[in-house]
Structure formats: structure tokens, C-alpha cells
ModelCIF file with pLDDT and N, C-alpha, C, O atoms, coordinates in Angstrom:
data_MODEL
#
_entry.id   MODEL 
#
_entity.id                         1 
_entity.type                       polymer 
_entity.pdbx_number_of_molecules   1 
#
_entity_poly.entity_id                      1 
_entity_poly.type                           'polypeptide(L)' 
_entity_poly.nstd_linkage                   no 
_entity_poly.nstd_monomer                   no 
_entity_poly.pdbx_seq_one_letter_code       
;(UNK)(UNK)(UNK)(UNK)(UNK)(UNK)(UNK)(UNK)(UNK)(UNK)(UNK)(UNK)(UNK)(UNK)(UNK)(UNK)
(UNK)(UNK)(UNK)(UNK)(UNK)(UNK)(UNK)(UNK)(UNK)(UNK)(UNK)(UNK)(UNK)(UNK)(UNK)(UNK)
(UNK)(UNK)(UNK)(UNK)(UNK)(UNK)(UNK)(UNK)(UNK)(UNK)(UNK)(UNK)(UNK)(UNK)
;
_entity_poly.pdbx_seq_one_letter_code_can   XXXXXXXXXXXXXXXXXXXXXXXXXXXXXXXXXXXXXXXXXXXXXX 
_entity_poly.pdbx_strand_id                 A 
#
loop_
_entity_poly_seq.entity_id 
_entity_poly_seq.num 
_entity_poly_seq.mon_id 
_entity_poly_seq.hetero 
1 1  UNK n 
1 2  UNK n 
1 3  UNK n 
1 4  UNK n 
1 5  UNK n 
1 6  UNK n 
1 7  UNK n 
1 8  UNK n 
1 9  UNK n 
1 10 UNK n 
1 11 UNK n 
1 12 UNK n 
1 13 UNK n 
1 14 UNK n 
1 15 UNK n 
1 16 UNK n 
1 17 UNK n 
1 18 UNK n 
1 19 UNK n 
1 20 UNK n 
1 21 UNK n 
1 22 UNK n 
1 23 UNK n 
1 24 UNK n 
1 25 UNK n 
1 26 UNK n 
1 27 UNK n 
1 28 UNK n 
1 29 UNK n 
1 30 UNK n 
1 31 UNK n 
1 32 UNK n 
1 33 UNK n 
1 34 UNK n 
1 35 UNK n 
1 36 UNK n 
1 37 UNK n 
1 38 UNK n 
1 39 UNK n 
1 40 UNK n 
1 41 UNK n 
1 42 UNK n 
1 43 UNK n 
1 44 UNK n 
1 45 UNK n 
1 46 UNK n 
#
_struct_asym.id          A 
_struct_asym.entity_id   1 
#
loop_
_ma_qa_metric.id 
_ma_qa_metric.mode 
_ma_qa_metric.name 
_ma_qa_metric.software_group_id 
_ma_qa_metric.type 
1 global pLDDT . pLDDT 
2 local  pLDDT . pLDDT 
#
_ma_qa_metric_global.metric_id      1 
_ma_qa_metric_global.metric_value   96.30 
_ma_qa_metric_global.model_id       1 
_ma_qa_metric_global.ordinal_id     1 
#
loop_
_ma_qa_metric_local.label_asym_id 
_ma_qa_metric_local.label_comp_id 
_ma_qa_metric_local.label_seq_id 
_ma_qa_metric_local.metric_id 
_ma_qa_metric_local.metric_value 
_ma_qa_metric_local.model_id 
_ma_qa_metric_local.ordinal_id 
A UNK 1  2 98.00 1 1  
A UNK 2  2 98.00 1 2  
A UNK 3  2 98.00 1 3  
A UNK 4  2 98.00 1 4  
A UNK 5  2 97.00 1 5  
A UNK 6  2 96.00 1 6  
A UNK 7  2 93.00 1 7  
A UNK 8  2 91.00 1 8  
A UNK 9  2 93.00 1 9  
A UNK 10 2 92.00 1 10 
A UNK 11 2 94.00 1 11 
A UNK 12 2 96.00 1 12 
A UNK 13 2 96.00 1 13 
A UNK 14 2 96.00 1 14 
A UNK 15 2 97.00 1 15 
A UNK 16 2 97.00 1 16 
A UNK 17 2 97.00 1 17 
A UNK 18 2 98.00 1 18 
A UNK 19 2 98.00 1 19 
A UNK 20 2 98.00 1 20 
A UNK 21 2 98.00 1 21 
A UNK 22 2 98.00 1 22 
A UNK 23 2 98.00 1 23 
A UNK 24 2 97.00 1 24 
A UNK 25 2 97.00 1 25 
A UNK 26 2 97.00 1 26 
A UNK 27 2 98.00 1 27 
A UNK 28 2 98.00 1 28 
A UNK 29 2 98.00 1 29 
A UNK 30 2 98.00 1 30 
A UNK 31 2 98.00 1 31 
A UNK 32 2 97.00 1 32 
A UNK 33 2 96.00 1 33 
A UNK 34 2 96.00 1 34 
A UNK 35 2 94.00 1 35 
A UNK 36 2 93.00 1 36 
A UNK 37 2 92.00 1 37 
A UNK 38 2 93.00 1 38 
A UNK 39 2 94.00 1 39 
A UNK 40 2 95.00 1 40 
A UNK 41 2 97.00 1 41 
A UNK 42 2 97.00 1 42 
A UNK 43 2 97.00 1 43 
A UNK 44 2 97.00 1 44 
A UNK 45 2 98.00 1 45 
A UNK 46 2 98.00 1 46 
#
loop_
_atom_site.group_PDB 
_atom_site.id 
_atom_site.type_symbol 
_atom_site.label_atom_id 
_atom_site.label_alt_id 
_atom_site.label_comp_id 
_atom_site.label_asym_id 
_atom_site.label_entity_id 
_atom_site.label_seq_id 
_atom_site.pdbx_PDB_ins_code 
_atom_site.Cartn_x 
_atom_site.Cartn_y 
_atom_site.Cartn_z 
_atom_site.occupancy 
_atom_site.B_iso_or_equiv 
_atom_site.pdbx_formal_charge 
_atom_site.auth_seq_id 
_atom_site.auth_comp_id 
_atom_site.auth_asym_id 
_atom_site.auth_atom_id 
_atom_site.pdbx_PDB_model_num 
ATOM 1   N N  . UNK A 1 1  ? 6.883   9.351  -1.867  1.00 98.00 ? 1  UNK A N  1 
ATOM 2   C CA . UNK A 1 1  ? 7.872   8.832  -2.806  1.00 98.00 ? 1  UNK A CA 1 
ATOM 3   C C  . UNK A 1 1  ? 7.875   7.301  -2.800  1.00 98.00 ? 1  UNK A C  1 
ATOM 4   O O  . UNK A 1 1  ? 8.476   6.673  -3.671  1.00 98.00 ? 1  UNK A O  1 
ATOM 5   N N  . UNK A 1 2  ? 7.202   6.709  -1.811  1.00 98.00 ? 2  UNK A N  1 
ATOM 6   C CA . UNK A 1 2  ? 6.967   5.266  -1.787  1.00 98.00 ? 2  UNK A CA 1 
ATOM 7   C C  . UNK A 1 2  ? 5.471   5.048  -1.687  1.00 98.00 ? 2  UNK A C  1 
ATOM 8   O O  . UNK A 1 2  ? 4.776   5.718  -0.923  1.00 98.00 ? 2  UNK A O  1 
ATOM 9   N N  . UNK A 1 3  ? 4.992   4.105  -2.469  1.00 98.00 ? 3  UNK A N  1 
ATOM 10  C CA . UNK A 1 3  ? 3.580   3.751  -2.413  1.00 98.00 ? 3  UNK A CA 1 
ATOM 11  C C  . UNK A 1 3  ? 3.459   2.303  -1.969  1.00 98.00 ? 3  UNK A C  1 
ATOM 12  O O  . UNK A 1 3  ? 4.078   1.412  -2.549  1.00 98.00 ? 3  UNK A O  1 
ATOM 13  N N  . UNK A 1 4  ? 2.661   2.077  -0.943  1.00 98.00 ? 4  UNK A N  1 
ATOM 14  C CA . UNK A 1 4  ? 2.381   0.728  -0.448  1.00 98.00 ? 4  UNK A CA 1 
ATOM 15  C C  . UNK A 1 4  ? 0.972   0.374  -0.906  1.00 98.00 ? 4  UNK A C  1 
ATOM 16  O O  . UNK A 1 4  ? 0.004   1.071  -0.600  1.00 98.00 ? 4  UNK A O  1 
ATOM 17  N N  . UNK A 1 5  ? 0.883   -0.723 -1.644  1.00 97.00 ? 5  UNK A N  1 
ATOM 18  C CA . UNK A 1 5  ? -0.395  -1.167 -2.190  1.00 97.00 ? 5  UNK A CA 1 
ATOM 19  C C  . UNK A 1 5  ? -0.666  -2.581 -1.701  1.00 97.00 ? 5  UNK A C  1 
ATOM 20  O O  . UNK A 1 5  ? 0.228   -3.427 -1.685  1.00 97.00 ? 5  UNK A O  1 
ATOM 21  N N  . UNK A 1 6  ? -1.896  -2.825 -1.306  1.00 96.00 ? 6  UNK A N  1 
ATOM 22  C CA . UNK A 1 6  ? -2.291  -4.172 -0.914  1.00 96.00 ? 6  UNK A CA 1 
ATOM 23  C C  . UNK A 1 6  ? -3.641  -4.489 -1.522  1.00 96.00 ? 6  UNK A C  1 
ATOM 24  O O  . UNK A 1 6  ? -4.447  -3.595 -1.779  1.00 96.00 ? 6  UNK A O  1 
ATOM 25  N N  . UNK A 1 7  ? -3.880  -5.767 -1.748  1.00 93.00 ? 7  UNK A N  1 
ATOM 26  C CA . UNK A 1 7  ? -5.127  -6.195 -2.379  1.00 93.00 ? 7  UNK A CA 1 
ATOM 27  C C  . UNK A 1 7  ? -6.352  -5.936 -1.529  1.00 93.00 ? 7  UNK A C  1 
ATOM 28  O O  . UNK A 1 7  ? -7.441  -5.706 -2.056  1.00 93.00 ? 7  UNK A O  1 
ATOM 29  N N  . UNK A 1 8  ? -6.186  -5.972 -0.234  1.00 91.00 ? 8  UNK A N  1 
ATOM 30  C CA . UNK A 1 8  ? -7.276  -5.648 0.691   1.00 91.00 ? 8  UNK A CA 1 
ATOM 31  C C  . UNK A 1 8  ? -6.673  -5.289 2.040   1.00 91.00 ? 8  UNK A C  1 
ATOM 32  O O  . UNK A 1 8  ? -5.490  -5.529 2.281   1.00 91.00 ? 8  UNK A O  1 
ATOM 33  N N  . UNK A 1 9  ? -7.472  -4.726 2.900   1.00 93.00 ? 9  UNK A N  1 
ATOM 34  C CA . UNK A 1 9  ? -6.962  -4.315 4.205   1.00 93.00 ? 9  UNK A CA 1 
ATOM 35  C C  . UNK A 1 9  ? -6.644  -5.509 5.101   1.00 93.00 ? 9  UNK A C  1 
ATOM 36  O O  . UNK A 1 9  ? -6.070  -5.334 6.176   1.00 93.00 ? 9  UNK A O  1 
ATOM 37  N N  . UNK A 1 10 ? -7.005  -6.713 4.679   1.00 92.00 ? 10 UNK A N  1 
ATOM 38  C CA . UNK A 1 10 ? -6.613  -7.888 5.467   1.00 92.00 ? 10 UNK A CA 1 
ATOM 39  C C  . UNK A 1 10 ? -5.088  -8.066 5.456   1.00 92.00 ? 10 UNK A C  1 
ATOM 40  O O  . UNK A 1 10 ? -4.543  -8.782 6.296   1.00 92.00 ? 10 UNK A O  1 
ATOM 41  N N  . UNK A 1 11 ? -4.396  -7.414 4.501   1.00 94.00 ? 11 UNK A N  1 
ATOM 42  C CA . UNK A 1 11 ? -2.932  -7.464 4.444   1.00 94.00 ? 11 UNK A CA 1 
ATOM 43  C C  . UNK A 1 11 ? -2.271  -6.418 5.338   1.00 94.00 ? 11 UNK A C  1 
ATOM 44  O O  . UNK A 1 11 ? -1.051  -6.438 5.503   1.00 94.00 ? 11 UNK A O  1 
ATOM 45  N N  . UNK A 1 12 ? -3.044  -5.511 5.913   1.00 96.00 ? 12 UNK A N  1 
ATOM 46  C CA . UNK A 1 12 ? -2.479  -4.418 6.704   1.00 96.00 ? 12 UNK A CA 1 
ATOM 47  C C  . UNK A 1 12 ? -1.647  -4.886 7.901   1.00 96.00 ? 12 UNK A C  1 
ATOM 48  O O  . UNK A 1 12 ? -0.612  -4.277 8.170   1.00 96.00 ? 12 UNK A O  1 
ATOM 49  N N  . UNK A 1 13 ? -2.042  -5.933 8.633   1.00 96.00 ? 13 UNK A N  1 
ATOM 50  C CA . UNK A 1 13 ? -1.182  -6.355 9.746   1.00 96.00 ? 13 UNK A CA 1 
ATOM 51  C C  . UNK A 1 13 ? 0.241   -6.716 9.302   1.00 96.00 ? 13 UNK A C  1 
ATOM 52  O O  . UNK A 1 13 ? 1.190   -6.509 10.059  1.00 96.00 ? 13 UNK A O  1 
ATOM 53  N N  . UNK A 1 14 ? 0.399   -7.243 8.108   1.00 96.00 ? 14 UNK A N  1 
ATOM 54  C CA . UNK A 1 14 ? 1.733   -7.537 7.575   1.00 96.00 ? 14 UNK A CA 1 
ATOM 55  C C  . UNK A 1 14 ? 2.398   -6.254 7.101   1.00 96.00 ? 14 UNK A C  1 
ATOM 56  O O  . UNK A 1 14 ? 3.564   -6.011 7.414   1.00 96.00 ? 14 UNK A O  1 
ATOM 57  N N  . UNK A 1 15 ? 1.684   -5.441 6.361   1.00 97.00 ? 15 UNK A N  1 
ATOM 58  C CA . UNK A 1 15 ? 2.253   -4.253 5.738   1.00 97.00 ? 15 UNK A CA 1 
ATOM 59  C C  . UNK A 1 15 ? 2.520   -3.128 6.730   1.00 97.00 ? 15 UNK A C  1 
ATOM 60  O O  . UNK A 1 15 ? 3.244   -2.184 6.417   1.00 97.00 ? 15 UNK A O  1 
ATOM 61  N N  . UNK A 1 16 ? 1.945   -3.223 7.914   1.00 97.00 ? 16 UNK A N  1 
ATOM 62  C CA . UNK A 1 16 ? 2.163   -2.214 8.957   1.00 97.00 ? 16 UNK A CA 1 
ATOM 63  C C  . UNK A 1 16 ? 3.653   -2.047 9.264   1.00 97.00 ? 16 UNK A C  1 
ATOM 64  O O  . UNK A 1 16 ? 4.105   -0.940 9.561   1.00 97.00 ? 16 UNK A O  1 
ATOM 65  N N  . UNK A 1 17 ? 4.411   -3.132 9.193   1.00 97.00 ? 17 UNK A N  1 
ATOM 66  C CA . UNK A 1 17 ? 5.850   -3.049 9.484   1.00 97.00 ? 17 UNK A CA 1 
ATOM 67  C C  . UNK A 1 17 ? 6.577   -2.184 8.449   1.00 97.00 ? 17 UNK A C  1 
ATOM 68  O O  . UNK A 1 17 ? 7.522   -1.474 8.792   1.00 97.00 ? 17 UNK A O  1 
ATOM 69  N N  . UNK A 1 18 ? 6.148   -2.240 7.204   1.00 98.00 ? 18 UNK A N  1 
ATOM 70  C CA . UNK A 1 18 ? 6.731   -1.373 6.175   1.00 98.00 ? 18 UNK A CA 1 
ATOM 71  C C  . UNK A 1 18 ? 6.380   0.082  6.473   1.00 98.00 ? 18 UNK A C  1 
ATOM 72  O O  . UNK A 1 18 ? 7.227   0.967  6.358   1.00 98.00 ? 18 UNK A O  1 
ATOM 73  N N  . UNK A 1 19 ? 5.139   0.323  6.852   1.00 98.00 ? 19 UNK A N  1 
ATOM 74  C CA . UNK A 1 19 ? 4.713   1.683  7.194   1.00 98.00 ? 19 UNK A CA 1 
ATOM 75  C C  . UNK A 1 19 ? 5.537   2.235  8.355   1.00 98.00 ? 19 UNK A C  1 
ATOM 76  O O  . UNK A 1 19 ? 5.990   3.379  8.317   1.00 98.00 ? 19 UNK A O  1 
ATOM 77  N N  . UNK A 1 20 ? 5.726   1.420  9.377   1.00 98.00 ? 20 UNK A N  1 
ATOM 78  C CA . UNK A 1 20 ? 6.483   1.863  10.548  1.00 98.00 ? 20 UNK A CA 1 
ATOM 79  C C  . UNK A 1 20 ? 7.927   2.195  10.181  1.00 98.00 ? 20 UNK A C  1 
ATOM 80  O O  . UNK A 1 20 ? 8.466   3.202  10.641  1.00 98.00 ? 20 UNK A O  1 
ATOM 81  N N  . UNK A 1 21 ? 8.565   1.350  9.348   1.00 98.00 ? 21 UNK A N  1 
ATOM 82  C CA . UNK A 1 21 ? 9.956   1.597  8.985   1.00 98.00 ? 21 UNK A CA 1 
ATOM 83  C C  . UNK A 1 21 ? 10.080  2.875  8.157   1.00 98.00 ? 21 UNK A C  1 
ATOM 84  O O  . UNK A 1 21 ? 10.950  3.703  8.425   1.00 98.00 ? 21 UNK A O  1 
ATOM 85  N N  . UNK A 1 22 ? 9.223   3.040  7.161   1.00 98.00 ? 22 UNK A N  1 
ATOM 86  C CA . UNK A 1 22 ? 9.270   4.255  6.342   1.00 98.00 ? 22 UNK A CA 1 
ATOM 87  C C  . UNK A 1 22 ? 9.033   5.491  7.201   1.00 98.00 ? 22 UNK A C  1 
ATOM 88  O O  . UNK A 1 22 ? 9.673   6.523  6.998   1.00 98.00 ? 22 UNK A O  1 
ATOM 89  N N  . UNK A 1 23 ? 8.129   5.390  8.144   1.00 98.00 ? 23 UNK A N  1 
ATOM 90  C CA . UNK A 1 23 ? 7.846   6.507  9.040   1.00 98.00 ? 23 UNK A CA 1 
ATOM 91  C C  . UNK A 1 23 ? 9.079   6.838  9.890   1.00 98.00 ? 23 UNK A C  1 
ATOM 92  O O  . UNK A 1 23 ? 9.420   8.009  10.058  1.00 98.00 ? 23 UNK A O  1 
ATOM 93  N N  . UNK A 1 24 ? 9.748   5.809  10.424  1.00 97.00 ? 24 UNK A N  1 
ATOM 94  C CA . UNK A 1 24 ? 10.958  6.022  11.221  1.00 97.00 ? 24 UNK A CA 1 
ATOM 95  C C  . UNK A 1 24 ? 12.079  6.662  10.393  1.00 97.00 ? 24 UNK A C  1 
ATOM 96  O O  . UNK A 1 24 ? 12.876  7.441  10.915  1.00 97.00 ? 24 UNK A O  1 
ATOM 97  N N  . UNK A 1 25 ? 12.131  6.330  9.110   1.00 97.00 ? 25 UNK A N  1 
ATOM 98  C CA . UNK A 1 25 ? 13.162  6.882  8.215   1.00 97.00 ? 25 UNK A CA 1 
ATOM 99  C C  . UNK A 1 25 ? 12.750  8.251  7.646   1.00 97.00 ? 25 UNK A C  1 
ATOM 100 O O  . UNK A 1 25 ? 13.508  8.870  6.899   1.00 97.00 ? 25 UNK A O  1 
ATOM 101 N N  . UNK A 1 26 ? 11.554  8.711  8.003   1.00 97.00 ? 26 UNK A N  1 
ATOM 102 C CA . UNK A 1 26 ? 11.013  9.991  7.516   1.00 97.00 ? 26 UNK A CA 1 
ATOM 103 C C  . UNK A 1 26 ? 10.910  10.020 5.990   1.00 97.00 ? 26 UNK A C  1 
ATOM 104 O O  . UNK A 1 26 ? 11.180  11.040 5.356   1.00 97.00 ? 26 UNK A O  1 
ATOM 105 N N  . UNK A 1 27 ? 10.517  8.891  5.417   1.00 98.00 ? 27 UNK A N  1 
ATOM 106 C CA . UNK A 1 27 ? 10.302  8.788  3.971   1.00 98.00 ? 27 UNK A CA 1 
ATOM 107 C C  . UNK A 1 27 ? 8.795   8.913  3.731   1.00 98.00 ? 27 UNK A C  1 
ATOM 108 O O  . UNK A 1 27 ? 8.023   8.082  4.210   1.00 98.00 ? 27 UNK A O  1 
ATOM 109 N N  . UNK A 1 28 ? 8.373   9.939  2.998   1.00 98.00 ? 28 UNK A N  1 
ATOM 110 C CA . UNK A 1 28 ? 6.932   10.109 2.742   1.00 98.00 ? 28 UNK A CA 1 
ATOM 111 C C  . UNK A 1 28 ? 6.366   8.933  1.938   1.00 98.00 ? 28 UNK A C  1 
ATOM 112 O O  . UNK A 1 28 ? 6.931   8.526  0.922   1.00 98.00 ? 28 UNK A O  1 
ATOM 113 N N  . UNK A 1 29 ? 5.246   8.404  2.412   1.00 98.00 ? 29 UNK A N  1 
ATOM 114 C CA . UNK A 1 29 ? 4.644   7.260  1.734   1.00 98.00 ? 29 UNK A CA 1 
ATOM 115 C C  . UNK A 1 29 ? 3.127   7.361  1.782   1.00 98.00 ? 29 UNK A C  1 
ATOM 116 O O  . UNK A 1 29 ? 2.552   8.122  2.560   1.00 98.00 ? 29 UNK A O  1 
ATOM 117 N N  . UNK A 1 30 ? 2.507   6.572  0.929   1.00 98.00 ? 30 UNK A N  1 
ATOM 118 C CA . UNK A 1 30 ? 1.053   6.456  0.918   1.00 98.00 ? 30 UNK A CA 1 
ATOM 119 C C  . UNK A 1 30 ? 0.703   4.972  1.032   1.00 98.00 ? 30 UNK A C  1 
ATOM 120 O O  . UNK A 1 30 ? 1.521   4.107  0.717   1.00 98.00 ? 30 UNK A O  1 
ATOM 121 N N  . UNK A 1 31 ? -0.507  4.691  1.480   1.00 98.00 ? 31 UNK A N  1 
ATOM 122 C CA . UNK A 1 31 ? -0.988  3.318  1.607   1.00 98.00 ? 31 UNK A CA 1 
ATOM 123 C C  . UNK A 1 31 ? -2.373  3.257  1.002   1.00 98.00 ? 31 UNK A C  1 
ATOM 124 O O  . UNK A 1 31 ? -3.250  4.051  1.342   1.00 98.00 ? 31 UNK A O  1 
ATOM 125 N N  . UNK A 1 32 ? -2.563  2.292  0.090   1.00 97.00 ? 32 UNK A N  1 
ATOM 126 C CA . UNK A 1 32 ? -3.867  2.130  -0.554  1.00 97.00 ? 32 UNK A CA 1 
ATOM 127 C C  . UNK A 1 32 ? -4.171  0.653  -0.759  1.00 97.00 ? 32 UNK A C  1 
ATOM 128 O O  . UNK A 1 32 ? -3.271  -0.183 -0.832  1.00 97.00 ? 32 UNK A O  1 
ATOM 129 N N  . UNK A 1 33 ? -5.453  0.356  -0.849  1.00 96.00 ? 33 UNK A N  1 
ATOM 130 C CA . UNK A 1 33 ? -5.916  -0.985 -1.210  1.00 96.00 ? 33 UNK A CA 1 
ATOM 131 C C  . UNK A 1 33 ? -6.416  -0.934 -2.654  1.00 96.00 ? 33 UNK A C  1 
ATOM 132 O O  . UNK A 1 33 ? -7.308  -0.155 -2.990  1.00 96.00 ? 33 UNK A O  1 
ATOM 133 N N  . UNK A 1 34 ? -5.830  -1.769 -3.490  1.00 96.00 ? 34 UNK A N  1 
ATOM 134 C CA . UNK A 1 34 ? -6.247  -1.924 -4.883  1.00 96.00 ? 34 UNK A CA 1 
ATOM 135 C C  . UNK A 1 34 ? -6.146  -3.406 -5.210  1.00 96.00 ? 34 UNK A C  1 
ATOM 136 O O  . UNK A 1 34 ? -5.184  -4.066 -4.817  1.00 96.00 ? 34 UNK A O  1 
ATOM 137 N N  . UNK A 1 35 ? -7.110  -3.920 -5.909  1.00 94.00 ? 35 UNK A N  1 
ATOM 138 C CA . UNK A 1 35 ? -7.120  -5.340 -6.219  1.00 94.00 ? 35 UNK A CA 1 
ATOM 139 C C  . UNK A 1 35 ? -6.923  -5.568 -7.711  1.00 94.00 ? 35 UNK A C  1 
ATOM 140 O O  . UNK A 1 35 ? -7.630  -4.983 -8.532  1.00 94.00 ? 35 UNK A O  1 
ATOM 141 N N  . UNK A 1 36 ? -5.963  -6.417 -8.060  1.00 93.00 ? 36 UNK A N  1 
ATOM 142 C CA . UNK A 1 36 ? -5.718  -6.745 -9.467  1.00 93.00 ? 36 UNK A CA 1 
ATOM 143 C C  . UNK A 1 36 ? -6.938  -7.416 -10.095 1.00 93.00 ? 36 UNK A C  1 
ATOM 144 O O  . UNK A 1 36 ? -7.129  -7.343 -11.308 1.00 93.00 ? 36 UNK A O  1 
ATOM 145 N N  . UNK A 1 37 ? -7.753  -8.061 -9.284  1.00 92.00 ? 37 UNK A N  1 
ATOM 146 C CA . UNK A 1 37 ? -8.909  -8.783 -9.812  1.00 92.00 ? 37 UNK A CA 1 
ATOM 147 C C  . UNK A 1 37 ? -10.223 -8.028 -9.655  1.00 92.00 ? 37 UNK A C  1 
ATOM 148 O O  . UNK A 1 37 ? -11.095 -8.114 -10.520 1.00 92.00 ? 37 UNK A O  1 
ATOM 149 N N  . UNK A 1 38 ? -10.372 -7.287 -8.558  1.00 93.00 ? 38 UNK A N  1 
ATOM 150 C CA . UNK A 1 38 ? -11.645 -6.588 -8.313  1.00 93.00 ? 38 UNK A CA 1 
ATOM 151 C C  . UNK A 1 38 ? -11.649 -5.157 -8.821  1.00 93.00 ? 38 UNK A C  1 
ATOM 152 O O  . UNK A 1 38 ? -12.709 -4.604 -9.114  1.00 93.00 ? 38 UNK A O  1 
ATOM 153 N N  . UNK A 1 39 ? -10.465 -4.547 -8.928  1.00 94.00 ? 39 UNK A N  1 
ATOM 154 C CA . UNK A 1 39 ? -10.379 -3.169 -9.430  1.00 94.00 ? 39 UNK A CA 1 
ATOM 155 C C  . UNK A 1 39 ? -9.254  -3.049 -10.466 1.00 94.00 ? 39 UNK A C  1 
ATOM 156 O O  . UNK A 1 39 ? -8.350  -2.232 -10.294 1.00 94.00 ? 39 UNK A O  1 
ATOM 157 N N  . UNK A 1 40 ? -9.296  -3.843 -11.526 1.00 95.00 ? 40 UNK A N  1 
ATOM 158 C CA . UNK A 1 40 ? -8.170  -3.852 -12.475 1.00 95.00 ? 40 UNK A CA 1 
ATOM 159 C C  . UNK A 1 40 ? -7.928  -2.511 -13.162 1.00 95.00 ? 40 UNK A C  1 
ATOM 160 O O  . UNK A 1 40 ? -6.778  -2.161 -13.426 1.00 95.00 ? 40 UNK A O  1 
ATOM 161 N N  . UNK A 1 41 ? -8.978  -1.758 -13.457 1.00 97.00 ? 41 UNK A N  1 
ATOM 162 C CA . UNK A 1 41 ? -8.785  -0.459 -14.108 1.00 97.00 ? 41 UNK A CA 1 
ATOM 163 C C  . UNK A 1 41 ? -8.086  0.532  -13.183 1.00 97.00 ? 41 UNK A C  1 
ATOM 164 O O  . UNK A 1 41 ? -7.240  1.309  -13.623 1.00 97.00 ? 41 UNK A O  1 
ATOM 165 N N  . UNK A 1 42 ? -8.444  0.501  -11.896 1.00 97.00 ? 42 UNK A N  1 
ATOM 166 C CA . UNK A 1 42 ? -7.800  1.395  -10.931 1.00 97.00 ? 42 UNK A CA 1 
ATOM 167 C C  . UNK A 1 42 ? -6.333  1.025  -10.721 1.00 97.00 ? 42 UNK A C  1 
ATOM 168 O O  . UNK A 1 42 ? -5.490  1.906  -10.549 1.00 97.00 ? 42 UNK A O  1 
ATOM 169 N N  . UNK A 1 43 ? -6.026  -0.266 -10.734 1.00 97.00 ? 43 UNK A N  1 
ATOM 170 C CA . UNK A 1 43 ? -4.637  -0.707 -10.589 1.00 97.00 ? 43 UNK A CA 1 
ATOM 171 C C  . UNK A 1 43 ? -3.816  -0.204 -11.773 1.00 97.00 ? 43 UNK A C  1 
ATOM 172 O O  . UNK A 1 43 ? -2.717  0.321  -11.592 1.00 97.00 ? 43 UNK A O  1 
ATOM 173 N N  . UNK A 1 44 ? -4.338  -0.362 -12.961 1.00 97.00 ? 44 UNK A N  1 
ATOM 174 C CA . UNK A 1 44 ? -3.633  0.092  -14.162 1.00 97.00 ? 44 UNK A CA 1 
ATOM 175 C C  . UNK A 1 44 ? -3.423  1.607  -14.125 1.00 97.00 ? 44 UNK A C  1 
ATOM 176 O O  . UNK A 1 44 ? -2.325  2.090  -14.400 1.00 97.00 ? 44 UNK A O  1 
ATOM 177 N N  . UNK A 1 45 ? -4.469  2.350  -13.787 1.00 98.00 ? 45 UNK A N  1 
ATOM 178 C CA . UNK A 1 45 ? -4.359  3.813  -13.716 1.00 98.00 ? 45 UNK A CA 1 
ATOM 179 C C  . UNK A 1 45 ? -3.350  4.225  -12.639 1.00 98.00 ? 45 UNK A C  1 
ATOM 180 O O  . UNK A 1 45 ? -2.544  5.129  -12.861 1.00 98.00 ? 45 UNK A O  1 
ATOM 181 N N  . UNK A 1 46 ? -3.389  3.570  -11.476 1.00 98.00 ? 46 UNK A N  1 
ATOM 182 C CA . UNK A 1 46 ? -2.433  3.865  -10.415 1.00 98.00 ? 46 UNK A CA 1 
ATOM 183 C C  . UNK A 1 46 ? -1.011  3.657  -10.910 1.00 98.00 ? 46 UNK A C  1 
ATOM 184 O O  . UNK A 1 46 ? -0.059  3.856  -10.155 1.00 98.00 ? 46 UNK A O  1 
#
């Protein structure tokens, strides 16, 4: 019900805190890397 998106996995050390909090709250989430510049069609479809 929550989607975490980052431009690349280099953002994961920052975004890990969001993952941990959602996990502690038992809120189902997904994590994906999508780039507005390198994968614009996938970002739009997502």
C-alpha cells in the first residue's frame, strides 16, 4: 500500500529508514529503483 521509489540503489542507505519504519508499523510496502531520466517510460507506467 506504500511504494518506495528511488532513482538508484545509491539512495538505499537513506531510504532504509523508511523501510524499517513501515516494517515496524506492519504496513505492506515495495521498494524499486526507477530513474526519471534513464527509465522515463517505466516511471510513467509505474
